[in-house]
PDB file of N, CA and C in Angstrom:
ATOM      1  N   GLY A   1     -50.512  12.676   6.521  1.00  0.00           N
ATOM      2  CA  GLY A   1     -50.385  13.235   7.751  1.00  0.00           C
ATOM      3  C   GLY A   1     -49.596  12.470   8.772  1.00  0.00           C
ATOM      4  N   LEU A   2     -50.143  12.524   9.938  1.00  0.00           N
ATOM      5  CA  LEU A   2     -49.447  12.020  11.112  1.00  0.00           C
ATOM      6  C   LEU A   2     -49.193  10.510  11.054  1.00  0.00           C
ATOM      7  N   VAL A   3     -50.131   9.760  10.497  1.00  0.00           N
ATOM      8  CA  VAL A   3     -49.949   8.307  10.413  1.00  0.00           C
ATOM      9  C   VAL A   3     -48.774   7.974   9.493  1.00  0.00           C
ATOM     10  N   ALA A   4     -48.662   8.680   8.378  1.00  0.00           N
ATOM     11  CA  ALA A   4     -47.534   8.456   7.470  1.00  0.00           C
ATOM     12  C   ALA A   4     -46.219   8.835   8.144  1.00  0.00           C
ATOM     13  N   GLU A   5     -46.227   9.936   8.900  1.00  0.00           N
ATOM     14  CA  GLU A   5     -45.023  10.321   9.639  1.00  0.00           C
ATOM     15  C   GLU A   5     -44.633   9.230  10.630  1.00  0.00           C
ATOM     16  N   ALA A   6     -45.620   8.676  11.312  1.00  0.00           N
ATOM     17  CA  ALA A   6     -45.346   7.614  12.281  1.00  0.00           C
ATOM     18  C   ALA A   6     -44.741   6.396  11.596  1.00  0.00           C
ATOM     19  N   ALA A   7     -45.234   6.072  10.397  1.00  0.00           N
ATOM     20  CA  ALA A   7     -44.689   4.937   9.659  1.00  0.00           C
ATOM     21  C   ALA A   7     -43.220   5.172   9.314  1.00  0.00           C
ATOM     22  N   TYR A   8     -42.870   6.401   8.946  1.00  0.00           N
ATOM     23  CA  TYR A   8     -41.463   6.714   8.690  1.00  0.00           C
ATOM     24  C   TYR A   8     -40.637   6.623   9.975  1.00  0.00           C
ATOM     25  N   CYS A   9     -41.208   7.029  11.099  1.00  0.00           N
ATOM     26  CA  CYS A   9     -40.498   6.898  12.380  1.00  0.00           C
ATOM     27  C   CYS A   9     -40.238   5.423  12.690  1.00  0.00           C
ATOM     28  N   ALA A  10     -41.210   4.564  12.393  1.00  0.00           N
ATOM     29  CA  ALA A  10     -41.019   3.129  12.586  1.00  0.00           C
ATOM     30  C   ALA A  10     -39.958   2.607  11.627  1.00  0.00           C
ATOM     31  N   GLN A  11     -39.965   3.120  10.409  1.00  0.00           N
ATOM     32  CA  GLN A  11     -38.958   2.713   9.426  1.00  0.00           C
ATOM     33  C   GLN A  11     -37.554   3.041   9.925  1.00  0.00           C
ATOM     34  N   ASP A  12     -37.417   4.148  10.635  1.00  0.00           N
ATOM     35  CA  ASP A  12     -36.111   4.525  11.189  1.00  0.00           C
ATOM     36  C   ASP A  12     -35.578   3.462  12.141  1.00  0.00           C
ATOM     37  N   GLN A  13     -36.498   2.639  12.673  1.00  0.00           N
ATOM     38  CA  GLN A  13     -36.097   1.558  13.574  1.00  0.00           C
ATOM     39  C   GLN A  13     -36.278   0.192  12.904  1.00  0.00           C
ATOM     40  N   GLU A  14     -36.303   0.204  11.568  1.00  0.00           N
ATOM     41  CA  GLU A  14     -36.413  -1.010  10.759  1.00  0.00           C
ATOM     42  C   GLU A  14     -37.665  -1.816  11.099  1.00  0.00           C
ATOM     43  N   ALA A  15     -38.767  -1.099  11.331  1.00  0.00           N
ATOM     44  CA  ALA A  15     -40.019  -1.767  11.693  1.00  0.00           C
ATOM     45  C   ALA A  15     -41.193  -1.237  10.863  1.00  0.00           C
ATOM     46  N   PHE A  16     -40.909  -0.804   9.636  1.00  0.00           N
ATOM     47  CA  PHE A  16     -41.980  -0.241   8.819  1.00  0.00           C
ATOM     48  C   PHE A  16     -43.125  -1.224   8.618  1.00  0.00           C
ATOM     49  N   TRP A  17     -42.815  -2.430   8.134  1.00  0.00           N
ATOM     50  CA  TRP A  17     -43.895  -3.371   7.798  1.00  0.00           C
ATOM     51  C   TRP A  17     -44.671  -3.842   9.016  1.00  0.00           C
ATOM     52  N   PRO A  18     -44.030  -4.186  10.126  1.00  0.00           N
ATOM     53  CA  PRO A  18     -44.847  -4.533  11.299  1.00  0.00           C
ATOM     54  C   PRO A  18     -45.729  -3.376  11.757  1.00  0.00           C
ATOM     55  N   TYR A  19     -45.186  -2.158  11.688  1.00  0.00           N
ATOM     56  CA  TYR A  19     -45.962  -0.981  12.080  1.00  0.00           C
ATOM     57  C   TYR A  19     -47.111  -0.758  11.094  1.00  0.00           C
ATOM     58  N   HIS A  20     -46.816  -0.858   9.824  1.00  0.00           N
ATOM     59  CA  HIS A  20     -47.823  -0.746   8.769  1.00  0.00           C
ATOM     60  C   HIS A  20     -48.970  -1.723   9.022  1.00  0.00           C
ATOM     61  N   ASP A  21     -48.619  -2.983   9.263  1.00  0.00           N
ATOM     62  CA  ASP A  21     -49.635  -4.007   9.484  1.00  0.00           C
ATOM     63  C   ASP A  21     -50.487  -3.689  10.706  1.00  0.00           C
ATOM     64  N   MET A  22     -49.859  -3.193  11.771  1.00  0.00           N
ATOM     65  CA  MET A  22     -50.608  -2.855  12.975  1.00  0.00           C
ATOM     66  C   MET A  22     -51.572  -1.703  12.698  1.00  0.00           C
ATOM     67  N   ILE A  23     -51.129  -0.714  11.960  1.00  0.00           N
ATOM     68  CA  ILE A  23     -52.012   0.404  11.613  1.00  0.00           C
ATOM     69  C   ILE A  23     -53.260  -0.115  10.897  1.00  0.00           C
ATOM     70  N   PHE A  24     -53.055  -0.946   9.893  1.00  0.00           N
ATOM     71  CA  PHE A  24     -54.189  -1.415   9.110  1.00  0.00           C
ATOM     72  C   PHE A  24     -55.076  -2.378   9.894  1.00  0.00           C
ATOM     73  N   GLU A  25     -54.509  -3.114  10.843  1.00  0.00           N
ATOM     74  CA  GLU A  25     -55.333  -3.963  11.709  1.00  0.00           C
ATOM     75  C   GLU A  25     -56.174  -3.107  12.657  1.00  0.00           C
ATOM     76  N   GLN A  26     -55.582  -2.069  13.201  1.00  0.00           N
ATOM     77  CA  GLN A  26     -56.242  -1.286  14.243  1.00  0.00           C
ATOM     78  C   GLN A  26     -57.165  -0.190  13.726  1.00  0.00           C
ATOM     79  N   ILE A  27     -56.909   0.314  12.548  1.00  0.00           N
ATOM     80  CA  ILE A  27     -57.713   1.433  12.050  1.00  0.00           C
ATOM     81  C   ILE A  27     -59.174   1.028  11.859  1.00  0.00           C
ATOM     82  N   VAL A  28     -59.396  -0.233  11.594  1.00  0.00           N
ATOM     83  CA  VAL A  28     -60.762  -0.745  11.425  1.00  0.00           C
ATOM     84  C   VAL A  28     -61.562  -0.582  12.720  1.00  0.00           C
ATOM     85  N   TYR A  29     -60.896  -0.784  13.849  1.00  0.00           N
ATOM     86  CA  TYR A  29     -61.575  -0.709  15.145  1.00  0.00           C
ATOM     87  C   TYR A  29     -61.708   0.715  15.661  1.00  0.00           C
ATOM     88  N   ARG A  30     -61.129   1.655  14.966  1.00  0.00           N
ATOM     89  CA  ARG A  30     -61.144   3.046  15.430  1.00  0.00           C
ATOM     90  C   ARG A  30     -61.838   3.967  14.425  1.00  0.00           C
ATOM     91  N   ASP A  31     -62.790   3.420  13.694  1.00  0.00           N
ATOM     92  CA  ASP A  31     -63.578   4.204  12.727  1.00  0.00           C
ATOM     93  C   ASP A  31     -62.713   4.988  11.747  1.00  0.00           C
ATOM     94  N   GLY A  32     -61.561   4.418  11.372  1.00  0.00           N
ATOM     95  CA  GLY A  32     -60.704   5.049  10.385  1.00  0.00           C
ATOM     96  C   GLY A  32     -59.879   6.206  10.903  1.00  0.00           C
ATOM     97  N   TYR A  33     -59.856   6.412  12.207  1.00  0.00           N
ATOM     98  CA  TYR A  33     -59.143   7.557  12.768  1.00  0.00           C
ATOM     99  C   TYR A  33     -58.188   7.089  13.853  1.00  0.00           C
ATOM    100  N   LEU A  34     -56.951   7.535  13.755  1.00  0.00           N
ATOM    101  CA  LEU A  34     -55.941   7.228  14.764  1.00  0.00           C
ATOM    102  C   LEU A  34     -55.409   8.522  15.352  1.00  0.00           C
ATOM    103  N   GLU A  35     -55.288   8.527  16.659  1.00  0.00           N
ATOM    104  CA  GLU A  35     -54.742   9.697  17.349  1.00  0.00           C
ATOM    105  C   GLU A  35     -53.264   9.470  17.641  1.00  0.00           C
ATOM    106  N   ARG A  36     -52.587  10.535  18.001  1.00  0.00           N
ATOM    107  CA  ARG A  36     -51.159  10.462  18.319  1.00  0.00           C
ATOM    108  C   ARG A  36     -50.882   9.398  19.393  1.00  0.00           C
ATOM    109  N   ASP A  37     -51.724   9.343  20.415  1.00  0.00           N
ATOM    110  CA  ASP A  37     -51.519   8.347  21.474  1.00  0.00           C
ATOM    111  C   ASP A  37     -51.625   6.922  20.947  1.00  0.00           C
ATOM    112  N   ASP A  38     -52.521   6.697  19.974  1.00  0.00           N
ATOM    113  CA  ASP A  38     -52.622   5.370  19.352  1.00  0.00           C
ATOM    114  C   ASP A  38     -51.305   5.015  18.668  1.00  0.00           C
ATOM    115  N   LEU A  39     -50.757   5.977  17.923  1.00  0.00           N
ATOM    116  CA  LEU A  39     -49.531   5.737  17.179  1.00  0.00           C
ATOM    117  C   LEU A  39     -48.360   5.450  18.109  1.00  0.00           C
ATOM    118  N   LEU A  40     -48.302   6.162  19.222  1.00  0.00           N
ATOM    119  CA  LEU A  40     -47.252   5.919  20.217  1.00  0.00           C
ATOM    120  C   LEU A  40     -47.438   4.550  20.861  1.00  0.00           C
ATOM    121  N   ASP A  41     -48.693   4.184  21.123  1.00  0.00           N
ATOM    122  CA  ASP A  41     -48.985   2.881  21.726  1.00  0.00           C
ATOM    123  C   ASP A  41     -48.581   1.740  20.790  1.00  0.00           C
ATOM    124  N   PHE A  42     -48.815   1.901  19.491  1.00  0.00           N
ATOM    125  CA  PHE A  42     -48.417   0.863  18.538  1.00  0.00           C
ATOM    126  C   PHE A  42     -46.908   0.644  18.578  1.00  0.00           C
ATOM    127  N   ALA A  43     -46.150   1.714  18.685  1.00  0.00           N
ATOM    128  CA  ALA A  43     -44.690   1.600  18.764  1.00  0.00           C
ATOM    129  C   ALA A  43     -44.290   0.823  20.012  1.00  0.00           C
ATOM    130  N   ASP A  44     -44.964   1.097  21.125  1.00  0.00           N
ATOM    131  CA  ASP A  44     -44.692   0.348  22.361  1.00  0.00           C
ATOM    132  C   ASP A  44     -45.012  -1.133  22.179  1.00  0.00           C
ATOM    133  N   GLN A  45     -46.140  -1.425  21.555  1.00  0.00           N
ATOM    134  CA  GLN A  45     -46.541  -2.816  21.357  1.00  0.00           C
ATOM    135  C   GLN A  45     -45.539  -3.584  20.500  1.00  0.00           C
ATOM    136  N   LEU A  46     -44.856  -2.870  19.612  1.00  0.00           N
ATOM    137  CA  LEU A  46     -43.855  -3.501  18.750  1.00  0.00           C
ATOM    138  C   LEU A  46     -42.452  -3.469  19.350  1.00  0.00           C
ATOM    139  N   ASP A  47     -42.370  -3.039  20.607  1.00  0.00           N
ATOM    140  CA  ASP A  47     -41.090  -2.953  21.322  1.00  0.00           C
ATOM    141  C   ASP A  47     -40.067  -2.054  20.631  1.00  0.00           C
ATOM    142  N   LEU A  48     -40.567  -0.982  20.002  1.00  0.00           N
ATOM    143  CA  LEU A  48     -39.649   0.006  19.453  1.00  0.00           C
ATOM    144  C   LEU A  48     -39.115   0.864  20.589  1.00  0.00           C
ATOM    145  N   ASP A  49     -38.034   1.550  20.345  1.00  0.00           N
ATOM    146  CA  ASP A  49     -37.503   2.496  21.329  1.00  0.00           C
ATOM    147  C   ASP A  49     -38.517   3.630  21.425  1.00  0.00           C
ATOM    148  N   SER A  50     -39.313   3.612  22.492  1.00  0.00           N
ATOM    149  CA  SER A  50     -40.445   4.540  22.585  1.00  0.00           C
ATOM    150  C   SER A  50     -40.000   5.997  22.689  1.00  0.00           C
ATOM    151  N   THR A  51     -38.878   6.252  23.343  1.00  0.00           N
ATOM    152  CA  THR A  51     -38.391   7.629  23.438  1.00  0.00           C
ATOM    153  C   THR A  51     -37.975   8.137  22.066  1.00  0.00           C
ATOM    154  N   ARG A  52     -37.221   7.337  21.352  1.00  0.00           N
ATOM    155  CA  ARG A  52     -36.778   7.707  20.007  1.00  0.00           C
ATOM    156  C   ARG A  52     -37.980   7.885  19.074  1.00  0.00           C
ATOM    157  N   PHE A  53     -38.931   6.949  19.143  1.00  0.00           N
ATOM    158  CA  PHE A  53     -40.113   7.031  18.289  1.00  0.00           C
ATOM    159  C   PHE A  53     -40.927   8.276  18.629  1.00  0.00           C
ATOM    160  N   GLY A  54     -41.156   8.503  19.909  1.00  0.00           N
ATOM    161  CA  GLY A  54     -41.931   9.661  20.344  1.00  0.00           C
ATOM    162  C   GLY A  54     -41.288  10.971  19.927  1.00  0.00           C
ATOM    163  N   ASN A  55     -39.975  11.054  20.100  1.00  0.00           N
ATOM    164  CA  ASN A  55     -39.261  12.270  19.684  1.00  0.00           C
ATOM    165  C   ASN A  55     -39.382  12.490  18.176  1.00  0.00           C
ATOM    166  N   CYS A  56     -39.277  11.413  17.423  1.00  0.00           N
ATOM    167  CA  CYS A  56     -39.401  11.502  15.968  1.00  0.00           C
ATOM    168  C   CYS A  56     -40.793  12.002  15.588  1.00  0.00           C
ATOM    169  N   LEU A  57     -41.806  11.417  16.185  1.00  0.00           N
ATOM    170  CA  LEU A  57     -43.175  11.764  15.832  1.00  0.00           C
ATOM    171  C   LEU A  57     -43.533  13.186  16.258  1.00  0.00           C
ATOM    172  N   ILE A  58     -43.189  13.530  17.483  1.00  0.00           N
ATOM    173  CA  ILE A  58     -43.556  14.840  18.023  1.00  0.00           C
ATOM    174  C   ILE A  58     -42.781  15.974  17.335  1.00  0.00           C
ATOM    175  N   SER A  59     -41.548  15.686  16.940  1.00  0.00           N
ATOM    176  CA  SER A  59     -40.718  16.721  16.313  1.00  0.00           C
ATOM    177  C   SER A  59     -41.162  17.062  14.896  1.00  0.00           C
ATOM    178  N   GLY A  60     -41.927  16.165  14.282  1.00  0.00           N
ATOM    179  CA  GLY A  60     -42.304  16.386  12.883  1.00  0.00           C
ATOM    180  C   GLY A  60     -41.147  16.162  11.932  1.00  0.00           C
ATOM    181  N   ALA A  61     -40.184  15.323  12.349  1.00  0.00           N
ATOM    182  CA  ALA A  61     -38.979  15.091  11.555  1.00  0.00           C
ATOM    183  C   ALA A  61     -39.279  14.600  10.145  1.00  0.00           C
ATOM    184  N   ASN A  62     -40.410  13.927   9.967  1.00  0.00           N
ATOM    185  CA  ASN A  62     -40.742  13.378   8.652  1.00  0.00           C
ATOM    186  C   ASN A  62     -41.869  14.127   7.946  1.00  0.00           C
ATOM    187  N   SER A  63     -42.279  15.264   8.485  1.00  0.00           N
ATOM    188  CA  SER A  63     -43.418  15.977   7.895  1.00  0.00           C
ATOM    189  C   SER A  63     -43.111  16.466   6.478  1.00  0.00           C
ATOM    190  N   ALA A  64     -41.911  16.955   6.239  1.00  0.00           N
ATOM    191  CA  ALA A  64     -41.557  17.419   4.892  1.00  0.00           C
ATOM    192  C   ALA A  64     -41.532  16.250   3.918  1.00  0.00           C
ATOM    193  N   ARG A  65     -41.047  15.118   4.382  1.00  0.00           N
ATOM    194  CA  ARG A  65     -40.993  13.922   3.543  1.00  0.00           C
ATOM    195  C   ARG A  65     -42.405  13.483   3.149  1.00  0.00           C
ATOM    196  N   VAL A  66     -43.316  13.492   4.104  1.00  0.00           N
ATOM    197  CA  VAL A  66     -44.706  13.110   3.835  1.00  0.00           C
ATOM    198  C   VAL A  66     -45.354  14.116   2.883  1.00  0.00           C
ATOM    199  N   GLU A  67     -45.070  15.384   3.082  1.00  0.00           N
ATOM    200  CA  GLU A  67     -45.622  16.412   2.202  1.00  0.00           C
ATOM    201  C   GLU A  67     -45.115  16.225   0.767  1.00  0.00           C
ATOM    202  N   LEU A  68     -43.824  15.937   0.622  1.00  0.00           N
ATOM    203  CA  LEU A  68     -43.271  15.694  -0.715  1.00  0.00           C
ATOM    204  C   LEU A  68     -43.873  14.448  -1.352  1.00  0.00           C
ATOM    205  N   ASP A  69     -44.099  13.406  -0.543  1.00  0.00           N
ATOM    206  CA  ASP A  69     -44.763  12.204  -1.058  1.00  0.00           C
ATOM    207  C   ASP A  69     -46.133  12.571  -1.623  1.00  0.00           C
ATOM    208  N   GLY A  70     -46.876  13.376  -0.880  1.00  0.00           N
ATOM    209  CA  GLY A  70     -48.206  13.792  -1.314  1.00  0.00           C
ATOM    210  C   GLY A  70     -48.170  14.572  -2.612  1.00  0.00           C
ATOM    211  N   ILE A  71     -47.205  15.469  -2.727  1.00  0.00           N
ATOM    212  CA  ILE A  71     -47.051  16.251  -3.957  1.00  0.00           C
ATOM    213  C   ILE A  71     -46.715  15.338  -5.125  1.00  0.00           C
ATOM    214  N   HIS A  72     -45.765  14.421  -4.896  1.00  0.00           N
ATOM    215  CA  HIS A  72     -45.360  13.495  -5.957  1.00  0.00           C
ATOM    216  C   HIS A  72     -46.535  12.636  -6.413  1.00  0.00           C
ATOM    217  N   PHE A  73     -47.281  12.087  -5.465  1.00  0.00           N
ATOM    218  CA  PHE A  73     -48.403  11.226  -5.833  1.00  0.00           C
ATOM    219  C   PHE A  73     -49.481  12.012  -6.567  1.00  0.00           C
ATOM    220  N   ALA A  74     -49.716  13.256  -6.178  1.00  0.00           N
ATOM    221  CA  ALA A  74     -50.694  14.090  -6.883  1.00  0.00           C
ATOM    222  C   ALA A  74     -50.225  14.363  -8.312  1.00  0.00           C
ATOM    223  N   GLU A  75     -48.913  14.601  -8.477  1.00  0.00           N
ATOM    224  CA  GLU A  75     -48.367  14.882  -9.810  1.00  0.00           C
ATOM    225  C   GLU A  75     -48.532  13.715 -10.772  1.00  0.00           C
ATOM    226  N   ILE A  76     -48.449  12.488 -10.252  1.00  0.00           N
ATOM    227  CA  ILE A  76     -48.573  11.326 -11.136  1.00  0.00           C
ATOM    228  C   ILE A  76     -50.012  10.846 -11.259  1.00  0.00           C
ATOM    229  N   GLY A  77     -50.922  11.483 -10.520  1.00  0.00           N
ATOM    230  CA  GLY A  77     -52.338  11.174 -10.667  1.00  0.00           C
ATOM    231  C   GLY A  77     -52.905  10.203  -9.655  1.00  0.00           C
ATOM    232  N   ALA A  78     -52.149   9.849  -8.635  1.00  0.00           N
ATOM    233  CA  ALA A  78     -52.678   8.957  -7.596  1.00  0.00           C
ATOM    234  C   ALA A  78     -53.743   9.706  -6.806  1.00  0.00           C
ATOM    235  N   THR A  79     -54.848   9.045  -6.578  1.00  0.00           N
ATOM    236  CA  THR A  79     -55.957   9.697  -5.883  1.00  0.00           C
ATOM    237  C   THR A  79     -56.294   9.040  -4.552  1.00  0.00           C
ATOM    238  N   GLY A  80     -55.655   7.949  -4.222  1.00  0.00           N
ATOM    239  CA  GLY A  80     -55.953   7.284  -2.960  1.00  0.00           C
ATOM    240  C   GLY A  80     -55.097   6.055  -2.787  1.00  0.00           C
ATOM    241  N   THR A  81     -55.470   5.267  -1.819  1.00  0.00           N
ATOM    242  CA  THR A  81     -54.736   4.040  -1.550  1.00  0.00           C
ATOM    243  C   THR A  81     -55.655   2.852  -1.784  1.00  0.00           C
ATOM    244  N   PRO A  82     -55.130   1.744  -2.234  1.00  0.00           N
ATOM    245  CA  PRO A  82     -53.717   1.596  -2.572  1.00  0.00           C
ATOM    246  C   PRO A  82     -53.408   2.206  -3.938  1.00  0.00           C
ATOM    247  N   SER A  83     -52.238   2.775  -4.055  1.00  0.00           N
ATOM    248  CA  SER A  83     -51.705   3.264  -5.322  1.00  0.00           C
ATOM    249  C   SER A  83     -50.336   2.638  -5.504  1.00  0.00           C
ATOM    250  N   PHE A  84     -50.047   2.234  -6.697  1.00  0.00           N
ATOM    251  CA  PHE A  84     -48.776   1.581  -6.971  1.00  0.00           C
ATOM    252  C   PHE A  84     -48.037   2.337  -8.059  1.00  0.00           C
ATOM    253  N   VAL A  85     -46.762   2.554  -7.840  1.00  0.00           N
ATOM    254  CA  VAL A  85     -45.914   3.212  -8.819  1.00  0.00           C
ATOM    255  C   VAL A  85     -44.788   2.243  -9.156  1.00  0.00           C
ATOM    256  N   ILE A  86     -44.698   1.891 -10.418  1.00  0.00           N
ATOM    257  CA  ILE A  86     -43.678   0.951 -10.869  1.00  0.00           C
ATOM    258  C   ILE A  86     -42.870   1.642 -11.958  1.00  0.00           C
ATOM    259  N   ASN A  87     -41.578   1.753 -11.726  1.00  0.00           N
ATOM    260  CA  ASN A  87     -40.687   2.459 -12.653  1.00  0.00           C
ATOM    261  C   ASN A  87     -41.204   3.854 -12.969  1.00  0.00           C
ATOM    262  N   GLY A  88     -41.716   4.532 -11.951  1.00  0.00           N
ATOM    263  CA  GLY A  88     -42.185   5.896 -12.114  1.00  0.00           C
ATOM    264  C   GLY A  88     -43.556   6.037 -12.754  1.00  0.00           C
ATOM    265  N   GLN A  89     -44.214   4.933 -13.047  1.00  0.00           N
ATOM    266  CA  GLN A  89     -45.525   4.960 -13.688  1.00  0.00           C
ATOM    267  C   GLN A  89     -46.596   4.499 -12.713  1.00  0.00           C
ATOM    268  N   LEU A  90     -47.679   5.260 -12.644  1.00  0.00           N
ATOM    269  CA  LEU A  90     -48.812   4.893 -11.808  1.00  0.00           C
ATOM    270  C   LEU A  90     -49.520   3.706 -12.433  1.00  0.00           C
ATOM    271  N   VAL A  91     -49.725   2.666 -11.631  1.00  0.00           N
ATOM    272  CA  VAL A  91     -50.470   1.492 -12.070  1.00  0.00           C
ATOM    273  C   VAL A  91     -51.811   1.538 -11.364  1.00  0.00           C
ATOM    274  N   VAL A  92     -52.852   1.812 -12.114  1.00  0.00           N
ATOM    275  CA  VAL A  92     -54.189   1.894 -11.542  1.00  0.00           C
ATOM    276  C   VAL A  92     -54.773   0.493 -11.583  1.00  0.00           C
ATOM    277  N   SER A  93     -54.819  -0.138 -10.415  1.00  0.00           N
ATOM    278  CA  SER A  93     -55.347  -1.498 -10.388  1.00  0.00           C
ATOM    279  C   SER A  93     -56.293  -1.721  -9.221  1.00  0.00           C
ATOM    280  N   GLY A  94     -56.348  -0.752  -8.282  1.00  0.00           N
ATOM    281  CA  GLY A  94     -57.155  -0.991  -7.086  1.00  0.00           C
ATOM    282  C   GLY A  94     -56.664  -2.252  -6.421  1.00  0.00           C
ATOM    283  N   VAL A  95     -57.507  -3.234  -6.349  1.00  0.00           N
ATOM    284  CA  VAL A  95     -57.089  -4.524  -5.804  1.00  0.00           C
ATOM    285  C   VAL A  95     -57.090  -5.585  -6.898  1.00  0.00           C
ATOM    286  N   ASN A  96     -56.856  -5.144  -8.137  1.00  0.00           N
ATOM    287  CA  ASN A  96     -56.789  -6.049  -9.271  1.00  0.00           C
ATOM    288  C   ASN A  96     -55.362  -6.607  -9.338  1.00  0.00           C
ATOM    289  N   TYR A  97     -55.133  -7.674  -8.594  1.00  0.00           N
ATOM    290  CA  TYR A  97     -53.786  -8.225  -8.486  1.00  0.00           C
ATOM    291  C   TYR A  97     -53.235  -8.746  -9.817  1.00  0.00           C
ATOM    292  N   PRO A  98     -54.047  -9.333 -10.688  1.00  0.00           N
ATOM    293  CA  PRO A  98     -53.479  -9.735 -11.985  1.00  0.00           C
ATOM    294  C   PRO A  98     -52.928  -8.550 -12.780  1.00  0.00           C
ATOM    295  N   ALA A  99     -53.615  -7.407 -12.744  1.00  0.00           N
ATOM    296  CA  ALA A  99     -53.112  -6.226 -13.456  1.00  0.00           C
ATOM    297  C   ALA A  99     -51.822  -5.724 -12.818  1.00  0.00           C
ATOM    298  N   LEU A 100     -51.763  -5.750 -11.508  1.00  0.00           N
ATOM    299  CA  LEU A 100     -50.549  -5.330 -10.811  1.00  0.00           C
ATOM    300  C   LEU A 100     -49.400  -6.275 -11.128  1.00  0.00           C
ATOM    301  N   GLU A 101     -49.677  -7.571 -11.088  1.00  0.00           N
ATOM    302  CA  GLU A 101     -48.642  -8.554 -11.407  1.00  0.00           C
ATOM    303  C   GLU A 101     -48.138  -8.369 -12.838  1.00  0.00           C
ATOM    304  N   ALA A 102     -49.043  -8.106 -13.773  1.00  0.00           N
ATOM    305  CA  ALA A 102     -48.643  -7.904 -15.165  1.00  0.00           C
ATOM    306  C   ALA A 102     -47.728  -6.689 -15.295  1.00  0.00           C
ATOM    307  N   ALA A 103     -48.043  -5.621 -14.575  1.00  0.00           N
ATOM    308  CA  ALA A 103     -47.196  -4.420 -14.623  1.00  0.00           C
ATOM    309  C   ALA A 103     -45.822  -4.698 -14.045  1.00  0.00           C
ATOM    310  N   ILE A 104     -45.770  -5.460 -12.970  1.00  0.00           N
ATOM    311  CA  ILE A 104     -44.474  -5.805 -12.362  1.00  0.00           C
ATOM    312  C   ILE A 104     -43.669  -6.680 -13.310  1.00  0.00           C
ATOM    313  N   ARG A 105     -44.315  -7.680 -13.893  1.00  0.00           N
ATOM    314  CA  ARG A 105     -43.599  -8.565 -14.833  1.00  0.00           C
ATOM    315  C   ARG A 105     -43.083  -7.780 -16.044  1.00  0.00           C
ATOM    316  N   GLU A 106     -43.883  -6.849 -16.518  1.00  0.00           N
ATOM    317  CA  GLU A 106     -43.447  -6.027 -17.645  1.00  0.00           C
ATOM    318  C   GLU A 106     -42.221  -5.199 -17.260  1.00  0.00           C
ATOM    319  N   ALA A 107     -42.258  -4.595 -16.075  1.00  0.00           N
ATOM    320  CA  ALA A 107     -41.130  -3.785 -15.610  1.00  0.00           C
ATOM    321  C   ALA A 107     -39.881  -4.648 -15.433  1.00  0.00           C
ATOM    322  N   LEU A 108     -40.067  -5.838 -14.895  1.00  0.00           N
ATOM    323  CA  LEU A 108     -38.919  -6.739 -14.723  1.00  0.00           C
ATOM    324  C   LEU A 108     -38.360  -7.164 -16.079  1.00  0.00           C
ATOM    325  N   GLY A 109     -39.227  -7.402 -17.031  1.00  0.00           N
ATOM    326  CA  GLY A 109     -38.779  -7.764 -18.374  1.00  0.00           C
ATOM    327  C   GLY A 109     -38.005  -6.635 -19.026  1.00  0.00           C
ATOM    328  N   GLN A 110     -38.460  -5.407 -18.829  1.00  0.00           N
ATOM    329  CA  GLN A 110     -37.748  -4.254 -19.380  1.00  0.00           C
ATOM    330  C   GLN A 110     -36.376  -4.131 -18.730  1.00  0.00           C
ATOM    331  N   GLN A 111     -36.310  -4.368 -17.422  1.00  0.00           N
ATOM    332  CA  GLN A 111     -35.035  -4.283 -16.729  1.00  0.00           C
ATOM    333  C   GLN A 111     -34.097  -5.388 -17.194  1.00  0.00           C
ATOM    334  N   ALA A 112     -34.636  -6.600 -17.352  1.00  0.00           N
ATOM    335  CA  ALA A 112     -33.808  -7.719 -17.796  1.00  0.00           C
ATOM    336  C   ALA A 112     -33.215  -7.436 -19.174  1.00  0.00           C
ATOM    337  N   ALA A 113     -33.976  -6.770 -20.025  1.00  0.00           N
ATOM    338  CA  ALA A 113     -33.471  -6.440 -21.360  1.00  0.00           C
ATOM    339  C   ALA A 113     -32.323  -5.440 -21.300  1.00  0.00           C
ATOM    340  N   LEU A 114     -32.294  -4.628 -20.237  1.00  0.00           N
ATOM    341  CA  LEU A 114     -31.237  -3.625 -20.094  1.00  0.00           C
ATOM    342  C   LEU A 114     -29.995  -4.175 -19.402  1.00  0.00           C
ATOM    343  N   ASP A 115     -30.185  -5.219 -18.577  1.00  0.00           N
ATOM    344  CA  ASP A 115     -29.063  -5.785 -17.824  1.00  0.00           C
ATOM    345  C   ASP A 115     -28.218  -6.683 -18.714  1.00  0.00           C
ATOM    346  N   PRO A 116     -26.876  -6.608 -18.582  1.00  0.00           N
ATOM    347  CA  PRO A 116     -26.035  -7.528 -19.340  1.00  0.00           C
ATOM    348  C   PRO A 116     -26.175  -8.938 -18.752  1.00  0.00           C
ATOM    349  N   PRO A 117     -25.985  -9.970 -19.565  1.00  0.00           N
ATOM    350  CA  PRO A 117     -26.024 -11.333 -19.031  1.00  0.00           C
ATOM    351  C   PRO A 117     -25.029 -11.484 -17.878  1.00  0.00           C
ATOM    352  N   ALA A 118     -25.354 -12.362 -16.938  1.00  0.00           N
ATOM    353  CA  ALA A 118     -24.553 -12.513 -15.726  1.00  0.00           C
ATOM    354  C   ALA A 118     -23.115 -12.945 -16.024  1.00  0.00           C
ATOM    355  N   ASN A 119     -22.897 -13.651 -17.129  1.00  0.00           N
ATOM    356  CA  ASN A 119     -21.557 -14.161 -17.420  1.00  0.00           C
ATOM    357  C   ASN A 119     -20.721 -13.197 -18.255  1.00  0.00           C
ATOM    358  N   GLN A 120     -21.246 -11.999 -18.533  1.00  0.00           N
ATOM    359  CA  GLN A 120     -20.504 -11.021 -19.323  1.00  0.00           C
ATOM    360  C   GLN A 120     -20.189  -9.795 -18.472  1.00  0.00           C
ATOM    361  N   GLN A 121     -19.040  -9.224 -18.735  1.00  0.00           N
ATOM    362  CA  GLN A 121     -18.657  -7.986 -18.057  1.00  0.00           C
ATOM    363  C   GLN A 121     -19.328  -6.829 -18.761  1.00  0.00           C
ATOM    364  N   PRO A 122     -19.800  -5.833 -18.016  1.00  0.00           N
ATOM    365  CA  PRO A 122     -20.414  -4.660 -18.668  1.00  0.00           C
ATOM    366  C   PRO A 122     -19.398  -3.864 -19.450  1.00  0.00           C
TER     367      PRO A 122
END
């Protein structure tokens, strides 16, 4: 929903991760619920262009993108957060960081096997 749209609006101003972090810091203090005014206030606190951010959020410019994300995640079997997708595959690890790291290392190894050595021309 709206929080994901706001994160995309922040991304438009190259502030996705700071905005993401603020959401997760603040949602704890708001019983898991954020209102539009909260999202606009977070953008102000991060010194984003508040007019641009507000227009993005209010216009619903990213609503289709968020809806498609939801459809995609449902198709691959993601049921909540955190969910990780590596090379198009859902990695069910919850907060099992060793399992996540193993999946990333495996994906990197597969990619390395496909890449030509640095000293050779493709």
